[in-house]
Structure formats: C-alpha cells, structure tokens
Amino acid sequence: MNEEPKENVANQETVFSRQVSTQAARKLKAQRNPTPGVWFGLGMMGIIGWSVVVPTLFGAAIGIWLDNRHPGSHSWTLALLVGGLAIGCFTACYWVANEDKAMQEDSDE
C-alpha cells in the first residue's frame, strides 16, 4: 500500500490552498484595476471623434435644409456647421474631463 502520511497530505493541501488564494487575489485585483491597452485608447479616440462629428454633421444638415427653405444673404449651413462643431468640442471636453476625474479617483483608491 502506498499511502502517504496524513501530515504530508495536510501540508500539500495547505501549500495548494495558499497558491490558489494568491492567484485568486491577483485575478481579483487585475479585474478591479485593469490596465488600459491599445484598444482602450483607440476606442476613446473613436468616442471623442464621434461626439464631435455627429453634432457638426447635424448642424450642417439643418443648415442646408434652412438654406433651401429660406435663402438669405448669410449661409445657415456655415453658421450651423460651426455651431455644431462648437457643441461637439464642448461635449468632448466635458466627457474627457469626467473620464480623467474618474481615472484619478480610481488611482487614489
């Protein structure tokens, strides 16, 4: 019979349980504080880009519609294009500031 002494088995279980708990703690820490990667940065640029592009194009579309309906000496298209661009830039700045603040709070914890 090849039975190990009970002390050896208990010692192996203790070592194994420590290894498992160490790995579990490391995994939980990584899940709580993920390191942003390349895809995160590209996604951020995409979100910021779309937050500027959508209001700009929306303003241009409304401007074109107004120029066709109510022609005048001033271009509605140009005015609303610039207005949409300004709104998009303010939105992007606000969003980036909030994300930066949230990242600073996470790093402080």
PDB file of N, CA and C in Angstrom:
ATOM      1  N   MET A   1       0.829  -1.186   0.000  1.00  0.00           N
ATOM      2  CA  MET A   1       0.000   0.000   0.000  1.00  0.00           C
ATOM      3  C   MET A   1       0.866   1.239   0.000  1.00  0.00           C
ATOM      4  N   ASN A   2       0.462   2.208  -0.815  1.00  0.00           N
ATOM      5  CA  ASN A   2       1.223   3.437  -0.992  1.00  0.00           C
ATOM      6  C   ASN A   2       0.508   4.630  -0.376  1.00  0.00           C
ATOM      7  N   GLU A   3       0.205   4.576   0.840  1.00  0.00           N
ATOM      8  CA  GLU A   3      -0.487   5.691   1.477  1.00  0.00           C
ATOM      9  C   GLU A   3       0.530   6.660   2.046  1.00  0.00           C
ATOM     10  N   GLU A   4       0.287   7.953   1.773  1.00  0.00           N
ATOM     11  CA  GLU A   4       1.170   8.975   2.328  1.00  0.00           C
ATOM     12  C   GLU A   4       0.731   9.267   3.757  1.00  0.00           C
ATOM     13  N   PRO A   5       1.651   9.648   4.565  1.00  0.00           N
ATOM     14  CA  PRO A   5       1.264  10.026   5.924  1.00  0.00           C
ATOM     15  C   PRO A   5       0.319  11.220   5.890  1.00  0.00           C
ATOM     16  N   LYS A   6      -0.560  11.290   6.868  1.00  0.00           N
ATOM     17  CA  LYS A   6      -1.552  12.363   6.904  1.00  0.00           C
ATOM     18  C   LYS A   6      -0.910  13.735   7.017  1.00  0.00           C
ATOM     19  N   GLU A   7       0.243  13.830   7.619  1.00  0.00           N
ATOM     20  CA  GLU A   7       0.924  15.123   7.740  1.00  0.00           C
ATOM     21  C   GLU A   7       1.333  15.646   6.372  1.00  0.00           C
ATOM     22  N   ASN A   8       1.841  14.769   5.500  1.00  0.00           N
ATOM     23  CA  ASN A   8       2.243  15.176   4.152  1.00  0.00           C
ATOM     24  C   ASN A   8       1.047  15.672   3.348  1.00  0.00           C
ATOM     25  N   VAL A   9      -0.065  14.967   3.426  1.00  0.00           N
ATOM     26  CA  VAL A   9      -1.274  15.350   2.695  1.00  0.00           C
ATOM     27  C   VAL A   9      -1.776  16.699   3.198  1.00  0.00           C
ATOM     28  N   ALA A  10      -1.815  16.897   4.491  1.00  0.00           N
ATOM     29  CA  ALA A  10      -2.276  18.161   5.061  1.00  0.00           C
ATOM     30  C   ALA A  10      -1.348  19.297   4.656  1.00  0.00           C
ATOM     31  N   ASN A  11      -0.053  19.056   4.634  1.00  0.00           N
ATOM     32  CA  ASN A  11       0.919  20.070   4.245  1.00  0.00           C
ATOM     33  C   ASN A  11       0.744  20.439   2.768  1.00  0.00           C
ATOM     34  N   GLN A  12       0.513  19.433   1.913  1.00  0.00           N
ATOM     35  CA  GLN A  12       0.311  19.699   0.493  1.00  0.00           C
ATOM     36  C   GLN A  12      -0.970  20.505   0.264  1.00  0.00           C
ATOM     37  N   GLU A  13      -2.024  20.182   0.995  1.00  0.00           N
ATOM     38  CA  GLU A  13      -3.280  20.928   0.865  1.00  0.00           C
ATOM     39  C   GLU A  13      -3.094  22.378   1.297  1.00  0.00           C
ATOM     40  N   THR A  14      -2.312  22.611   2.336  1.00  0.00           N
ATOM     41  CA  THR A  14      -2.063  23.966   2.803  1.00  0.00           C
ATOM     42  C   THR A  14      -1.297  24.762   1.759  1.00  0.00           C
ATOM     43  N   VAL A  15      -0.268  24.178   1.160  1.00  0.00           N
ATOM     44  CA  VAL A  15       0.525  24.847   0.126  1.00  0.00           C
ATOM     45  C   VAL A  15      -0.365  25.132  -1.085  1.00  0.00           C
ATOM     46  N   PHE A  16      -1.150  24.128  -1.482  1.00  0.00           N
ATOM     47  CA  PHE A  16      -2.042  24.289  -2.627  1.00  0.00           C
ATOM     48  C   PHE A  16      -3.081  25.381  -2.369  1.00  0.00           C
ATOM     49  N   SER A  17      -3.663  25.382  -1.180  1.00  0.00           N
ATOM     50  CA  SER A  17      -4.681  26.394  -0.878  1.00  0.00           C
ATOM     51  C   SER A  17      -4.073  27.800  -0.850  1.00  0.00           C
ATOM     52  N   ARG A  18      -2.829  27.935  -0.405  1.00  0.00           N
ATOM     53  CA  ARG A  18      -2.155  29.245  -0.432  1.00  0.00           C
ATOM     54  C   ARG A  18      -1.915  29.691  -1.874  1.00  0.00           C
ATOM     55  N   GLN A  19      -1.491  28.754  -2.727  1.00  0.00           N
ATOM     56  CA  GLN A  19      -1.258  29.100  -4.128  1.00  0.00           C
ATOM     57  C   GLN A  19      -2.558  29.537  -4.811  1.00  0.00           C
ATOM     58  N   VAL A  20      -3.624  28.808  -4.539  1.00  0.00           N
ATOM     59  CA  VAL A  20      -4.916  29.150  -5.137  1.00  0.00           C
ATOM     60  C   VAL A  20      -5.401  30.503  -4.634  1.00  0.00           C
ATOM     61  N   SER A  21      -5.273  30.765  -3.352  1.00  0.00           N
ATOM     62  CA  SER A  21      -5.741  32.043  -2.810  1.00  0.00           C
ATOM     63  C   SER A  21      -4.899  33.201  -3.335  1.00  0.00           C
ATOM     64  N   THR A  22      -3.591  32.984  -3.529  1.00  0.00           N
ATOM     65  CA  THR A  22      -2.731  34.024  -4.088  1.00  0.00           C
ATOM     66  C   THR A  22      -3.127  34.345  -5.521  1.00  0.00           C
ATOM     67  N   GLN A  23      -3.369  33.315  -6.310  1.00  0.00           N
ATOM     68  CA  GLN A  23      -3.774  33.530  -7.702  1.00  0.00           C
ATOM     69  C   GLN A  23      -5.148  34.185  -7.782  1.00  0.00           C
ATOM     70  N   ALA A  24      -6.066  33.792  -6.909  1.00  0.00           N
ATOM     71  CA  ALA A  24      -7.397  34.390  -6.901  1.00  0.00           C
ATOM     72  C   ALA A  24      -7.332  35.869  -6.517  1.00  0.00           C
ATOM     73  N   ALA A  25      -6.504  36.183  -5.537  1.00  0.00           N
ATOM     74  CA  ALA A  25      -6.348  37.580  -5.134  1.00  0.00           C
ATOM     75  C   ALA A  25      -5.751  38.411  -6.261  1.00  0.00           C
ATOM     76  N   ARG A  26      -4.781  37.862  -6.965  1.00  0.00           N
ATOM     77  CA  ARG A  26      -4.153  38.562  -8.084  1.00  0.00           C
ATOM     78  C   ARG A  26      -5.172  38.795  -9.209  1.00  0.00           C
ATOM     79  N   LYS A  27      -5.993  37.792  -9.465  1.00  0.00           N
ATOM     80  CA  LYS A  27      -7.002  37.920 -10.523  1.00  0.00           C
ATOM     81  C   LYS A  27      -8.052  38.959 -10.154  1.00  0.00           C
ATOM     82  N   LEU A  28      -8.501  38.967  -8.903  1.00  0.00           N
ATOM     83  CA  LEU A  28      -9.475  39.959  -8.457  1.00  0.00           C
ATOM     84  C   LEU A  28      -8.912  41.377  -8.533  1.00  0.00           C
ATOM     85  N   LYS A  29      -7.640  41.535  -8.176  1.00  0.00           N
ATOM     86  CA  LYS A  29      -7.009  42.849  -8.253  1.00  0.00           C
ATOM     87  C   LYS A  29      -6.921  43.312  -9.703  1.00  0.00           C
ATOM     88  N   ALA A  30      -6.582  42.408 -10.618  1.00  0.00           N
ATOM     89  CA  ALA A  30      -6.495  42.754 -12.041  1.00  0.00           C
ATOM     90  C   ALA A  30      -7.864  43.123 -12.599  1.00  0.00           C
ATOM     91  N   GLN A  31      -8.908  42.464 -12.134  1.00  0.00           N
ATOM     92  CA  GLN A  31     -10.259  42.792 -12.602  1.00  0.00           C
ATOM     93  C   GLN A  31     -10.714  44.147 -12.076  1.00  0.00           C
ATOM     94  N   ARG A  32     -10.317  44.493 -10.867  1.00  0.00           N
ATOM     95  CA  ARG A  32     -10.701  45.787 -10.291  1.00  0.00           C
ATOM     96  C   ARG A  32      -9.941  46.940 -10.929  1.00  0.00           C
ATOM     97  N   ASN A  33      -8.681  46.751 -11.244  1.00  0.00           N
ATOM     98  CA  ASN A  33      -7.824  47.811 -11.780  1.00  0.00           C
ATOM     99  C   ASN A  33      -7.216  47.384 -13.106  1.00  0.00           C
ATOM    100  N   PRO A  34      -8.033  47.338 -14.177  1.00  0.00           N
ATOM    101  CA  PRO A  34      -7.471  46.906 -15.450  1.00  0.00           C
ATOM    102  C   PRO A  34      -6.526  47.959 -16.022  1.00  0.00           C
ATOM    103  N   THR A  35      -5.490  47.504 -16.664  1.00  0.00           N
ATOM    104  CA  THR A  35      -4.549  48.402 -17.321  1.00  0.00           C
ATOM    105  C   THR A  35      -5.088  48.704 -18.711  1.00  0.00           C
ATOM    106  N   PRO A  36      -5.328  49.988 -19.016  1.00  0.00           N
ATOM    107  CA  PRO A  36      -5.847  50.300 -20.345  1.00  0.00           C
ATOM    108  C   PRO A  36      -4.818  49.938 -21.422  1.00  0.00           C
ATOM    109  N   GLY A  37      -5.306  49.334 -22.477  1.00  0.00           N
ATOM    110  CA  GLY A  37      -4.419  48.918 -23.551  1.00  0.00           C
ATOM    111  C   GLY A  37      -4.612  49.767 -24.797  1.00  0.00           C
ATOM    112  N   VAL A  38      -4.100  49.252 -25.889  1.00  0.00           N
ATOM    113  CA  VAL A  38      -4.176  49.957 -27.165  1.00  0.00           C
ATOM    114  C   VAL A  38      -5.620  50.096 -27.616  1.00  0.00           C
ATOM    115  N   TRP A  39      -6.392  49.031 -27.468  1.00  0.00           N
ATOM    116  CA  TRP A  39      -7.789  49.081 -27.922  1.00  0.00           C
ATOM    117  C   TRP A  39      -8.593  50.082 -27.111  1.00  0.00           C
ATOM    118  N   PHE A  40      -8.265  50.209 -25.833  1.00  0.00           N
ATOM    119  CA  PHE A  40      -8.943  51.210 -24.996  1.00  0.00           C
ATOM    120  C   PHE A  40      -8.678  52.611 -25.540  1.00  0.00           C
ATOM    121  N   GLY A  41      -7.422  52.895 -25.888  1.00  0.00           N
ATOM    122  CA  GLY A  41      -7.068  54.205 -26.431  1.00  0.00           C
ATOM    123  C   GLY A  41      -7.742  54.470 -27.758  1.00  0.00           C
ATOM    124  N   LEU A  42      -7.779  53.454 -28.625  1.00  0.00           N
ATOM    125  CA  LEU A  42      -8.448  53.628 -29.913  1.00  0.00           C
ATOM    126  C   LEU A  42      -9.947  53.836 -29.733  1.00  0.00           C
ATOM    127  N   GLY A  43     -10.527  53.129 -28.791  1.00  0.00           N
ATOM    128  CA  GLY A  43     -11.947  53.315 -28.511  1.00  0.00           C
ATOM    129  C   GLY A  43     -12.248  54.706 -27.993  1.00  0.00           C
ATOM    130  N   MET A  44     -11.370  55.213 -27.129  1.00  0.00           N
ATOM    131  CA  MET A  44     -11.544  56.577 -26.613  1.00  0.00           C
ATOM    132  C   MET A  44     -11.482  57.588 -27.751  1.00  0.00           C
ATOM    133  N   MET A  45     -10.516  57.416 -28.663  1.00  0.00           N
ATOM    134  CA  MET A  45     -10.422  58.342 -29.793  1.00  0.00           C
ATOM    135  C   MET A  45     -11.673  58.265 -30.658  1.00  0.00           C
ATOM    136  N   GLY A  46     -12.208  57.070 -30.830  1.00  0.00           N
ATOM    137  CA  GLY A  46     -13.425  56.909 -31.624  1.00  0.00           C
ATOM    138  C   GLY A  46     -14.611  57.598 -30.985  1.00  0.00           C
ATOM    139  N   ILE A  47     -14.759  57.438 -29.679  1.00  0.00           N
ATOM    140  CA  ILE A  47     -15.879  58.067 -28.974  1.00  0.00           C
ATOM    141  C   ILE A  47     -15.758  59.581 -29.036  1.00  0.00           C
ATOM    142  N   ILE A  48     -14.557  60.085 -28.823  1.00  0.00           N
ATOM    143  CA  ILE A  48     -14.348  61.533 -28.871  1.00  0.00           C
ATOM    144  C   ILE A  48     -14.609  62.049 -30.279  1.00  0.00           C
ATOM    145  N   GLY A  49     -14.136  61.313 -31.275  1.00  0.00           N
ATOM    146  CA  GLY A  49     -14.355  61.720 -32.662  1.00  0.00           C
ATOM    147  C   GLY A  49     -15.819  61.788 -33.023  1.00  0.00           C
ATOM    148  N   TRP A  50     -16.556  60.741 -32.656  1.00  0.00           N
ATOM    149  CA  TRP A  50     -17.983  60.732 -32.968  1.00  0.00           C
ATOM    150  C   TRP A  50     -18.746  61.799 -32.196  1.00  0.00           C
ATOM    151  N   SER A  51     -18.303  62.109 -30.988  1.00  0.00           N
ATOM    152  CA  SER A  51     -19.003  63.152 -30.224  1.00  0.00           C
ATOM    153  C   SER A  51     -18.800  64.530 -30.852  1.00  0.00           C
ATOM    154  N   VAL A  52     -17.776  64.689 -31.681  1.00  0.00           N
ATOM    155  CA  VAL A  52     -17.568  65.954 -32.400  1.00  0.00           C
ATOM    156  C   VAL A  52     -18.242  65.902 -33.768  1.00  0.00           C
ATOM    157  N   VAL A  53     -18.126  64.770 -34.455  1.00  0.00           N
ATOM    158  CA  VAL A  53     -18.628  64.657 -35.830  1.00  0.00           C
ATOM    159  C   VAL A  53     -20.153  64.714 -35.895  1.00  0.00           C
ATOM    160  N   VAL A  54     -20.836  64.022 -35.006  1.00  0.00           N
ATOM    161  CA  VAL A  54     -22.301  63.947 -35.087  1.00  0.00           C
ATOM    162  C   VAL A  54     -22.962  65.321 -34.963  1.00  0.00           C
ATOM    163  N   PRO A  55     -22.641  66.128 -33.944  1.00  0.00           N
ATOM    164  CA  PRO A  55     -23.279  67.451 -33.899  1.00  0.00           C
ATOM    165  C   PRO A  55     -22.886  68.348 -35.083  1.00  0.00           C
ATOM    166  N   THR A  56     -21.661  68.204 -35.574  1.00  0.00           N
ATOM    167  CA  THR A  56     -21.221  69.003 -36.715  1.00  0.00           C
ATOM    168  C   THR A  56     -22.034  68.660 -37.959  1.00  0.00           C
ATOM    169  N   LEU A  57     -22.186  67.377 -38.236  1.00  0.00           N
ATOM    170  CA  LEU A  57     -22.972  66.969 -39.405  1.00  0.00           C
ATOM    171  C   LEU A  57     -24.450  67.288 -39.238  1.00  0.00           C
ATOM    172  N   PHE A  58     -24.945  67.159 -38.023  1.00  0.00           N
ATOM    173  CA  PHE A  58     -26.336  67.501 -37.756  1.00  0.00           C
ATOM    174  C   PHE A  58     -26.570  68.995 -38.004  1.00  0.00           C
ATOM    175  N   GLY A  59     -25.659  69.831 -37.542  1.00  0.00           N
ATOM    176  CA  GLY A  59     -25.763  71.272 -37.781  1.00  0.00           C
ATOM    177  C   GLY A  59     -25.691  71.601 -39.255  1.00  0.00           C
ATOM    178  N   ALA A  60     -24.796  70.926 -39.988  1.00  0.00           N
ATOM    179  CA  ALA A  60     -24.688  71.171 -41.431  1.00  0.00           C
ATOM    180  C   ALA A  60     -25.958  70.747 -42.160  1.00  0.00           C
ATOM    181  N   ALA A  61     -26.529  69.625 -41.753  1.00  0.00           N
ATOM    182  CA  ALA A  61     -27.764  69.154 -42.403  1.00  0.00           C
ATOM    183  C   ALA A  61     -28.914  70.124 -42.169  1.00  0.00           C
ATOM    184  N   ILE A  62     -29.055  70.602 -40.957  1.00  0.00           N
ATOM    185  CA  ILE A  62     -30.115  71.583 -40.666  1.00  0.00           C
ATOM    186  C   ILE A  62     -29.843  72.879 -41.434  1.00  0.00           C
ATOM    187  N   GLY A  63     -28.577  73.288 -41.527  1.00  0.00           N
ATOM    188  CA  GLY A  63     -28.218  74.493 -42.277  1.00  0.00           C
ATOM    189  C   GLY A  63     -28.552  74.380 -43.748  1.00  0.00           C
ATOM    190  N   ILE A  64     -28.259  73.224 -44.344  1.00  0.00           N
ATOM    191  CA  ILE A  64     -28.601  73.014 -45.757  1.00  0.00           C
ATOM    192  C   ILE A  64     -30.108  73.082 -45.946  1.00  0.00           C
ATOM    193  N   TRP A  65     -30.846  72.450 -45.045  1.00  0.00           N
ATOM    194  CA  TRP A  65     -32.309  72.469 -45.143  1.00  0.00           C
ATOM    195  C   TRP A  65     -32.830  73.900 -45.030  1.00  0.00           C
ATOM    196  N   LEU A  66     -32.292  74.673 -44.068  1.00  0.00           N
ATOM    197  CA  LEU A  66     -32.732  76.070 -43.910  1.00  0.00           C
ATOM    198  C   LEU A  66     -32.341  76.922 -45.111  1.00  0.00           C
ATOM    199  N   ASP A  67     -31.153  76.708 -45.676  1.00  0.00           N
ATOM    200  CA  ASP A  67     -30.750  77.471 -46.866  1.00  0.00           C
ATOM    201  C   ASP A  67     -31.660  77.187 -48.053  1.00  0.00           C
ATOM    202  N   ASN A  68     -32.125  75.939 -48.164  1.00  0.00           N
ATOM    203  CA  ASN A  68     -33.047  75.610 -49.257  1.00  0.00           C
ATOM    204  C   ASN A  68     -34.437  76.185 -49.026  1.00  0.00           C
ATOM    205  N   ARG A  69     -34.874  76.246 -47.799  1.00  0.00           N
ATOM    206  CA  ARG A  69     -36.218  76.737 -47.468  1.00  0.00           C
ATOM    207  C   ARG A  69     -36.268  78.267 -47.371  1.00  0.00           C
ATOM    208  N   HIS A  70     -35.250  78.861 -46.776  1.00  0.00           N
ATOM    209  CA  HIS A  70     -35.227  80.311 -46.528  1.00  0.00           C
ATOM    210  C   HIS A  70     -33.881  80.897 -46.973  1.00  0.00           C
ATOM    211  N   PRO A  71     -33.700  81.071 -48.273  1.00  0.00           N
ATOM    212  CA  PRO A  71     -32.425  81.641 -48.716  1.00  0.00           C
ATOM    213  C   PRO A  71     -32.284  83.080 -48.243  1.00  0.00           C
ATOM    214  N   GLY A  72     -31.058  83.460 -47.941  1.00  0.00           N
ATOM    215  CA  GLY A  72     -30.810  84.816 -47.466  1.00  0.00           C
ATOM    216  C   GLY A  72     -29.394  85.223 -47.804  1.00  0.00           C
ATOM    217  N   SER A  73     -28.986  86.335 -47.244  1.00  0.00           N
ATOM    218  CA  SER A  73     -27.647  86.829 -47.547  1.00  0.00           C
ATOM    219  C   SER A  73     -26.566  86.075 -46.762  1.00  0.00           C
ATOM    220  N   HIS A  74     -26.952  85.455 -45.657  1.00  0.00           N
ATOM    221  CA  HIS A  74     -26.000  84.704 -44.844  1.00  0.00           C
ATOM    222  C   HIS A  74     -26.269  83.208 -44.983  1.00  0.00           C
ATOM    223  N   SER A  75     -25.216  82.433 -44.872  1.00  0.00           N
ATOM    224  CA  SER A  75     -25.324  80.980 -45.025  1.00  0.00           C
ATOM    225  C   SER A  75     -25.663  80.322 -43.692  1.00  0.00           C
ATOM    226  N   TRP A  76     -26.840  79.701 -43.645  1.00  0.00           N
ATOM    227  CA  TRP A  76     -27.222  78.932 -42.466  1.00  0.00           C
ATOM    228  C   TRP A  76     -26.324  77.707 -42.319  1.00  0.00           C
ATOM    229  N   THR A  77     -25.925  77.144 -43.440  1.00  0.00           N
ATOM    230  CA  THR A  77     -25.095  75.943 -43.409  1.00  0.00           C
ATOM    231  C   THR A  77     -23.786  76.202 -42.672  1.00  0.00           C
ATOM    232  N   LEU A  78     -23.119  77.281 -43.044  1.00  0.00           N
ATOM    233  CA  LEU A  78     -21.843  77.600 -42.411  1.00  0.00           C
ATOM    234  C   LEU A  78     -22.016  77.921 -40.926  1.00  0.00           C
ATOM    235  N   ALA A  79     -23.048  78.696 -40.618  1.00  0.00           N
ATOM    236  CA  ALA A  79     -23.277  79.084 -39.222  1.00  0.00           C
ATOM    237  C   ALA A  79     -23.585  77.870 -38.343  1.00  0.00           C
ATOM    238  N   LEU A  80     -24.462  76.989 -38.815  1.00  0.00           N
ATOM    239  CA  LEU A  80     -24.827  75.823 -38.008  1.00  0.00           C
ATOM    240  C   LEU A  80     -23.739  74.752 -38.021  1.00  0.00           C
ATOM    241  N   LEU A  81     -22.928  74.726 -39.068  1.00  0.00           N
ATOM    242  CA  LEU A  81     -21.773  73.829 -39.076  1.00  0.00           C
ATOM    243  C   LEU A  81     -20.802  74.222 -37.976  1.00  0.00           C
ATOM    244  N   VAL A  82     -20.508  75.509 -37.866  1.00  0.00           N
ATOM    245  CA  VAL A  82     -19.608  75.996 -36.816  1.00  0.00           C
ATOM    246  C   VAL A  82     -20.253  75.804 -35.441  1.00  0.00           C
ATOM    247  N   GLY A  83     -21.547  76.050 -35.338  1.00  0.00           N
ATOM    248  CA  GLY A  83     -22.248  75.834 -34.066  1.00  0.00           C
ATOM    249  C   GLY A  83     -22.212  74.374 -33.636  1.00  0.00           C
ATOM    250  N   GLY A  84     -22.441  73.467 -34.584  1.00  0.00           N
ATOM    251  CA  GLY A  84     -22.367  72.033 -34.274  1.00  0.00           C
ATOM    252  C   GLY A  84     -20.970  71.611 -33.876  1.00  0.00           C
ATOM    253  N   LEU A  85     -19.977  72.183 -34.534  1.00  0.00           N
ATOM    254  CA  LEU A  85     -18.591  71.889 -34.187  1.00  0.00           C
ATOM    255  C   LEU A  85     -18.268  72.359 -32.771  1.00  0.00           C
ATOM    256  N   ALA A  86     -18.742  73.549 -32.425  1.00  0.00           N
ATOM    257  CA  ALA A  86     -18.506  74.075 -31.070  1.00  0.00           C
ATOM    258  C   ALA A  86     -19.182  73.195 -30.016  1.00  0.00           C
ATOM    259  N   ILE A  87     -20.420  72.804 -30.278  1.00  0.00           N
ATOM    260  CA  ILE A  87     -21.142  71.938 -29.332  1.00  0.00           C
ATOM    261  C   ILE A  87     -20.424  70.598 -29.193  1.00  0.00           C
ATOM    262  N   GLY A  88     -19.975  70.033 -30.308  1.00  0.00           N
ATOM    263  CA  GLY A  88     -19.252  68.767 -30.269  1.00  0.00           C
ATOM    264  C   GLY A  88     -17.948  68.864 -29.493  1.00  0.00           C
ATOM    265  N   CYS A  89     -17.222  69.954 -29.680  1.00  0.00           N
ATOM    266  CA  CYS A  89     -15.958  70.132 -28.952  1.00  0.00           C
ATOM    267  C   CYS A  89     -16.201  70.298 -27.461  1.00  0.00           C
ATOM    268  N   PHE A  90     -17.218  71.061 -27.094  1.00  0.00           N
ATOM    269  CA  PHE A  90     -17.538  71.218 -25.667  1.00  0.00           C
ATOM    270  C   PHE A  90     -17.967  69.888 -25.058  1.00  0.00           C
ATOM    271  N   THR A  91     -18.747  69.115 -25.796  1.00  0.00           N
ATOM    272  CA  THR A  91     -19.167  67.801 -25.317  1.00  0.00           C
ATOM    273  C   THR A  91     -17.970  66.885 -25.120  1.00  0.00           C
ATOM    274  N   ALA A  92     -17.057  66.874 -26.082  1.00  0.00           N
ATOM    275  CA  ALA A  92     -15.865  66.024 -25.980  1.00  0.00           C
ATOM    276  C   ALA A  92     -14.995  66.450 -24.796  1.00  0.00           C
ATOM    277  N   CYS A  93     -14.827  67.758 -24.620  1.00  0.00           N
ATOM    278  CA  CYS A  93     -14.022  68.246 -23.487  1.00  0.00           C
ATOM    279  C   CYS A  93     -14.650  67.854 -22.158  1.00  0.00           C
ATOM    280  N   TYR A  94     -15.959  67.980 -22.057  1.00  0.00           N
ATOM    281  CA  TYR A  94     -16.673  67.612 -20.838  1.00  0.00           C
ATOM    282  C   TYR A  94     -16.506  66.116 -20.554  1.00  0.00           C
ATOM    283  N   TRP A  95     -16.642  65.292 -21.592  1.00  0.00           N
ATOM    284  CA  TRP A  95     -16.538  63.851 -21.432  1.00  0.00           C
ATOM    285  C   TRP A  95     -15.123  63.459 -21.021  1.00  0.00           C
ATOM    286  N   VAL A  96     -14.117  64.046 -21.663  1.00  0.00           N
ATOM    287  CA  VAL A  96     -12.721  63.735 -21.333  1.00  0.00           C
ATOM    288  C   VAL A  96     -12.401  64.163 -19.901  1.00  0.00           C
ATOM    289  N   ALA A  97     -12.906  65.324 -19.487  1.00  0.00           N
ATOM    290  CA  ALA A  97     -12.662  65.788 -18.117  1.00  0.00           C
ATOM    291  C   ALA A  97     -13.282  64.826 -17.102  1.00  0.00           C
ATOM    292  N   ASN A  98     -14.496  64.354 -17.372  1.00  0.00           N
ATOM    293  CA  ASN A  98     -15.139  63.395 -16.460  1.00  0.00           C
ATOM    294  C   ASN A  98     -14.369  62.078 -16.400  1.00  0.00           C
ATOM    295  N   GLU A  99     -13.914  61.580 -17.541  1.00  0.00           N
ATOM    296  CA  GLU A  99     -13.150  60.339 -17.568  1.00  0.00           C
ATOM    297  C   GLU A  99     -11.819  60.495 -16.828  1.00  0.00           C
ATOM    298  N   ASP A 100     -11.174  61.644 -17.012  1.00  0.00           N
ATOM    299  CA  ASP A 100      -9.906  61.897 -16.323  1.00  0.00           C
ATOM    300  C   ASP A 100     -10.119  61.945 -14.814  1.00  0.00           C
ATOM    301  N   LYS A 101     -11.204  62.591 -14.397  1.00  0.00           N
ATOM    302  CA  LYS A 101     -11.515  62.664 -12.970  1.00  0.00           C
ATOM    303  C   LYS A 101     -11.786  61.276 -12.392  1.00  0.00           C
ATOM    304  N   ALA A 102     -12.518  60.451 -13.148  1.00  0.00           N
ATOM    305  CA  ALA A 102     -12.811  59.090 -12.684  1.00  0.00           C
ATOM    306  C   ALA A 102     -11.539  58.252 -12.604  1.00  0.00           C
ATOM    307  N   MET A 103     -10.639  58.416 -13.557  1.00  0.00           N
ATOM    308  CA  MET A 103      -9.383  57.667 -13.516  1.00  0.00           C
ATOM    309  C   MET A 103      -8.510  58.123 -12.346  1.00  0.00           C
ATOM    310  N   GLN A 104      -8.522  59.414 -12.028  1.00  0.00           N
ATOM    311  CA  GLN A 104      -7.762  59.914 -10.891  1.00  0.00           C
ATOM    312  C   GLN A 104      -8.312  59.368  -9.578  1.00  0.00           C
ATOM    313  N   GLU A 105      -9.638  59.297  -9.475  1.00  0.00           N
ATOM    314  CA  GLU A 105     -10.269  58.734  -8.264  1.00  0.00           C
ATOM    315  C   GLU A 105      -9.930  57.268  -8.111  1.00  0.00           C
ATOM    316  N   ASP A 106      -9.912  56.520  -9.241  1.00  0.00           N
ATOM    317  CA  ASP A 106      -9.573  55.102  -9.186  1.00  0.00           C
ATOM    318  C   ASP A 106      -8.124  54.895  -8.753  1.00  0.00           C
ATOM    319  N   SER A 107      -7.225  55.757  -9.236  1.00  0.00           N
ATOM    320  CA  SER A 107      -5.817  55.583  -8.884  1.00  0.00           C
ATOM    321  C   SER A 107      -5.555  55.979  -7.432  1.00  0.00           C
ATOM    322  N   ASP A 108      -6.385  56.884  -6.874  1.00  0.00           N
ATOM    323  CA  ASP A 108      -6.222  57.263  -5.479  1.00  0.00           C
ATOM    324  C   ASP A 108      -6.639  56.152  -4.528  1.00  0.00           C
ATOM    325  N   GLU A 109      -7.563  55.327  -4.940  1.00  0.00           N
ATOM    326  CA  GLU A 109      -8.032  54.228  -4.082  1.00  0.00           C
ATOM    327  C   GLU A 109      -7.045  53.175  -4.057  1.00  0.00           C
TER     328      GLU A 109
END
